[in-house]
Amino acid sequence: MKKYGYIYKFTFLPKNLIYVGKRKATTFDNNYYGSGVMWNRIISGCNKETDIKREILEWCYSKDEINDREKYWI
């Protein structure tokens, strides 16, 4: 079965803030740090390599599944 995308959890370690989202991709994108407006304001200017912990919560195999699972994790 082909991967559709993944649910991720990013943690801004200095303030222990969490951002959960979805990404349509078949591999983990090392250059992606989230797209939320407020999230990007929070992490602007930080050292992304050391201040943000990035995790894949689960892989999904369809559009419906990724949408449902994102809601579950949030």
C-alpha atoms as a PDB file:
ATOM      1  CA  MET A   1       0.000   0.000   0.000  1.00  0.00           C
ATOM      2  CA  LYS A   2       1.391   3.403  -0.997  1.00  0.00           C
ATOM      3  CA  LYS A   3       1.879   6.104   1.656  1.00  0.00           C
ATOM      4  CA  TYR A   4      -0.275   9.207   1.239  1.00  0.00           C
ATOM      5  CA  GLY A   5       1.231  11.333   4.011  1.00  0.00           C
ATOM      6  CA  TYR A   6       1.893  11.573   7.714  1.00  0.00           C
ATOM      7  CA  ILE A   7       0.678  13.126  10.935  1.00  0.00           C
ATOM      8  CA  TYR A   8       3.428  14.984  12.756  1.00  0.00           C
ATOM      9  CA  LYS A   9       4.015  16.537  16.146  1.00  0.00           C
ATOM     10  CA  PHE A  10       6.481  19.397  16.545  1.00  0.00           C
ATOM     11  CA  THR A  11       7.443  20.585  20.019  1.00  0.00           C
ATOM     12  CA  PHE A  12       9.002  24.000  20.650  1.00  0.00           C
ATOM     13  CA  LEU A  13      11.210  22.917  23.531  1.00  0.00           C
ATOM     14  CA  PRO A  14      11.935  26.297  25.206  1.00  0.00           C
ATOM     15  CA  LYS A  15       8.224  26.782  25.969  1.00  0.00           C
ATOM     16  CA  ASN A  16       6.988  23.183  25.618  1.00  0.00           C
ATOM     17  CA  LEU A  17       4.441  24.239  22.951  1.00  0.00           C
ATOM     18  CA  ILE A  18       3.093  21.566  20.610  1.00  0.00           C
ATOM     19  CA  TYR A  19       1.959  21.798  16.990  1.00  0.00           C
ATOM     20  CA  VAL A  20       0.193  18.818  15.389  1.00  0.00           C
ATOM     21  CA  GLY A  21      -0.511  18.703  11.685  1.00  0.00           C
ATOM     22  CA  LYS A  22      -0.546  16.652   8.508  1.00  0.00           C
ATOM     23  CA  ARG A  23       1.734  16.584   5.503  1.00  0.00           C
ATOM     24  CA  LYS A  24       1.002  14.988   2.150  1.00  0.00           C
ATOM     25  CA  ALA A  25       4.335  13.368   1.314  1.00  0.00           C
ATOM     26  CA  THR A  26       5.738   9.871   0.911  1.00  0.00           C
ATOM     27  CA  THR A  27       8.913  10.709   2.879  1.00  0.00           C
ATOM     28  CA  PHE A  28       9.653  12.911   5.868  1.00  0.00           C
ATOM     29  CA  ASP A  29      10.463  16.483   4.801  1.00  0.00           C
ATOM     30  CA  ASN A  30      13.537  17.610   6.753  1.00  0.00           C
ATOM     31  CA  ASN A  31      13.024  21.233   5.711  1.00  0.00           C
ATOM     32  CA  TYR A  32       9.421  21.516   6.922  1.00  0.00           C
ATOM     33  CA  TYR A  33       8.642  23.042  10.317  1.00  0.00           C
ATOM     34  CA  GLY A  34       4.874  23.626  10.063  1.00  0.00           C
ATOM     35  CA  SER A  35       2.654  26.109   8.282  1.00  0.00           C
ATOM     36  CA  GLY A  36       0.476  27.606  10.997  1.00  0.00           C
ATOM     37  CA  VAL A  37       0.653  31.411  11.194  1.00  0.00           C
ATOM     38  CA  MET A  38       0.860  31.543  14.995  1.00  0.00           C
ATOM     39  CA  TRP A  39       3.290  28.618  15.081  1.00  0.00           C
ATOM     40  CA  ASN A  40       5.622  30.343  12.631  1.00  0.00           C
ATOM     41  CA  ARG A  41       5.529  33.522  14.723  1.00  0.00           C
ATOM     42  CA  ILE A  42       6.471  31.510  17.796  1.00  0.00           C
ATOM     43  CA  ILE A  43       9.406  29.721  16.164  1.00  0.00           C
ATOM     44  CA  SER A  44      10.734  32.636  14.107  1.00  0.00           C
ATOM     45  CA  GLY A  45      14.288  33.444  15.074  1.00  0.00           C
ATOM     46  CA  CYS A  46      14.833  30.244  17.050  1.00  0.00           C
ATOM     47  CA  ASN A  47      17.473  27.631  16.343  1.00  0.00           C
ATOM     48  CA  LYS A  48      15.245  25.079  14.645  1.00  0.00           C
ATOM     49  CA  GLU A  49      17.883  22.349  14.888  1.00  0.00           C
ATOM     50  CA  THR A  50      17.985  22.459  18.695  1.00  0.00           C
ATOM     51  CA  ASP A  51      14.741  24.148  19.754  1.00  0.00           C
ATOM     52  CA  ILE A  52      12.218  22.019  17.835  1.00  0.00           C
ATOM     53  CA  LYS A  53      11.667  18.316  18.332  1.00  0.00           C
ATOM     54  CA  ARG A  54       9.958  16.758  15.312  1.00  0.00           C
ATOM     55  CA  GLU A  55       8.132  13.427  15.377  1.00  0.00           C
ATOM     56  CA  ILE A  56       6.029  11.429  12.956  1.00  0.00           C
ATOM     57  CA  LEU A  57       2.996  10.196  14.867  1.00  0.00           C
ATOM     58  CA  GLU A  58       1.749   7.929  12.105  1.00  0.00           C
ATOM     59  CA  TRP A  59       1.731   7.281   8.375  1.00  0.00           C
ATOM     60  CA  CYS A  60      -1.561   7.410   6.482  1.00  0.00           C
ATOM     61  CA  TYR A  61      -2.564   5.815   3.205  1.00  0.00           C
ATOM     62  CA  SER A  62      -5.449   7.937   1.920  1.00  0.00           C
ATOM     63  CA  LYS A  63      -6.825  11.472   2.023  1.00  0.00           C
ATOM     64  CA  ASP A  64      -9.757  10.419   4.197  1.00  0.00           C
ATOM     65  CA  GLU A  65      -7.493   8.588   6.629  1.00  0.00           C
ATOM     66  CA  ILE A  66      -5.059  11.490   7.023  1.00  0.00           C
ATOM     67  CA  ASN A  67      -7.920  13.934   7.640  1.00  0.00           C
ATOM     68  CA  ASP A  68      -9.515  11.653  10.241  1.00  0.00           C
ATOM     69  CA  ARG A  69      -6.239  10.895  11.997  1.00  0.00           C
ATOM     70  CA  GLU A  70      -5.232  14.554  12.159  1.00  0.00           C
ATOM     71  CA  LYS A  71      -8.483  15.294  13.997  1.00  0.00           C
ATOM     72  CA  TYR A  72      -7.827  12.357  16.319  1.00  0.00           C
ATOM     73  CA  TRP A  73      -4.323  13.529  17.261  1.00  0.00           C
ATOM     74  CA  ILE A  74      -5.364  17.165  17.723  1.00  0.00           C
END
